[in-house]
Amino acid sequence: MGDRSPKSNQKKSTQKQSKASSADQKKKQAVAAKQAAGNKK
């Protein structure tokens, strides 16, 4: 069954954080790419 130790819970929370931050980075990159494309025109 699922491991309820603090270590496993901590691991899950850090995975959630890294997923959220990578999504943030993708959004920022998309915005930067749009700005760059707009500047070229």
C-alpha atoms as a PDB file:
ATOM      1  CA  MET A   1       0.000   0.000   0.000  1.00  0.00           C
ATOM      2  CA  GLY A   2       0.961   3.667  -0.109  1.00  0.00           C
ATOM      3  CA  ASP A   3       3.879   4.752   2.044  1.00  0.00           C
ATOM      4  CA  ARG A   4       2.765   7.377   4.573  1.00  0.00           C
ATOM      5  CA  SER A   5       6.271   8.311   5.707  1.00  0.00           C
ATOM      6  CA  PRO A   6       7.184  12.033   5.768  1.00  0.00           C
ATOM      7  CA  LYS A   7       9.871  11.367   3.173  1.00  0.00           C
ATOM      8  CA  SER A   8       7.397  10.116   0.552  1.00  0.00           C
ATOM      9  CA  ASN A   9       5.007  12.984   1.302  1.00  0.00           C
ATOM     10  CA  GLN A  10       7.839  15.471   0.872  1.00  0.00           C
ATOM     11  CA  LYS A  11       8.800  13.865  -2.428  1.00  0.00           C
ATOM     12  CA  LYS A  12       5.234  14.214  -3.741  1.00  0.00           C
ATOM     13  CA  SER A  13       5.078  17.896  -2.796  1.00  0.00           C
ATOM     14  CA  THR A  14       8.424  18.676  -4.465  1.00  0.00           C
ATOM     15  CA  GLN A  15       7.233  16.920  -7.635  1.00  0.00           C
ATOM     16  CA  LYS A  16       4.103  19.098  -7.650  1.00  0.00           C
ATOM     17  CA  GLN A  17       6.240  22.211  -7.208  1.00  0.00           C
ATOM     18  CA  SER A  18       8.608  21.270 -10.028  1.00  0.00           C
ATOM     19  CA  LYS A  19       5.650  20.569 -12.336  1.00  0.00           C
ATOM     20  CA  ALA A  20       4.147  23.975 -11.557  1.00  0.00           C
ATOM     21  CA  SER A  21       7.446  25.788 -12.043  1.00  0.00           C
ATOM     22  CA  SER A  22       8.106  24.062 -15.385  1.00  0.00           C
ATOM     23  CA  ALA A  23       4.621  25.088 -16.562  1.00  0.00           C
ATOM     24  CA  ASP A  24       5.422  28.657 -15.482  1.00  0.00           C
ATOM     25  CA  GLN A  25       8.681  28.569 -17.400  1.00  0.00           C
ATOM     26  CA  LYS A  26       6.898  27.335 -20.545  1.00  0.00           C
ATOM     27  CA  LYS A  27       4.386  30.191 -20.275  1.00  0.00           C
ATOM     28  CA  LYS A  28       7.179  32.730 -19.861  1.00  0.00           C
ATOM     29  CA  GLN A  29       9.063  31.276 -22.814  1.00  0.00           C
ATOM     30  CA  ALA A  30       5.929  31.442 -24.970  1.00  0.00           C
ATOM     31  CA  VAL A  31       5.383  35.082 -24.000  1.00  0.00           C
ATOM     32  CA  ALA A  32       9.040  35.886 -24.706  1.00  0.00           C
ATOM     33  CA  ALA A  33       8.816  34.164 -28.093  1.00  0.00           C
ATOM     34  CA  LYS A  34       5.694  36.151 -28.978  1.00  0.00           C
ATOM     35  CA  GLN A  35       7.421  39.392 -27.962  1.00  0.00           C
ATOM     36  CA  ALA A  36      10.500  38.494 -30.005  1.00  0.00           C
ATOM     37  CA  ALA A  37       8.354  37.706 -33.045  1.00  0.00           C
ATOM     38  CA  GLY A  38       6.507  40.998 -32.583  1.00  0.00           C
ATOM     39  CA  ASN A  39       9.785  42.933 -32.346  1.00  0.00           C
ATOM     40  CA  LYS A  40      11.042  41.433 -35.609  1.00  0.00           C
ATOM     41  CA  LYS A  41       8.041  42.821 -37.496  1.00  0.00           C
END
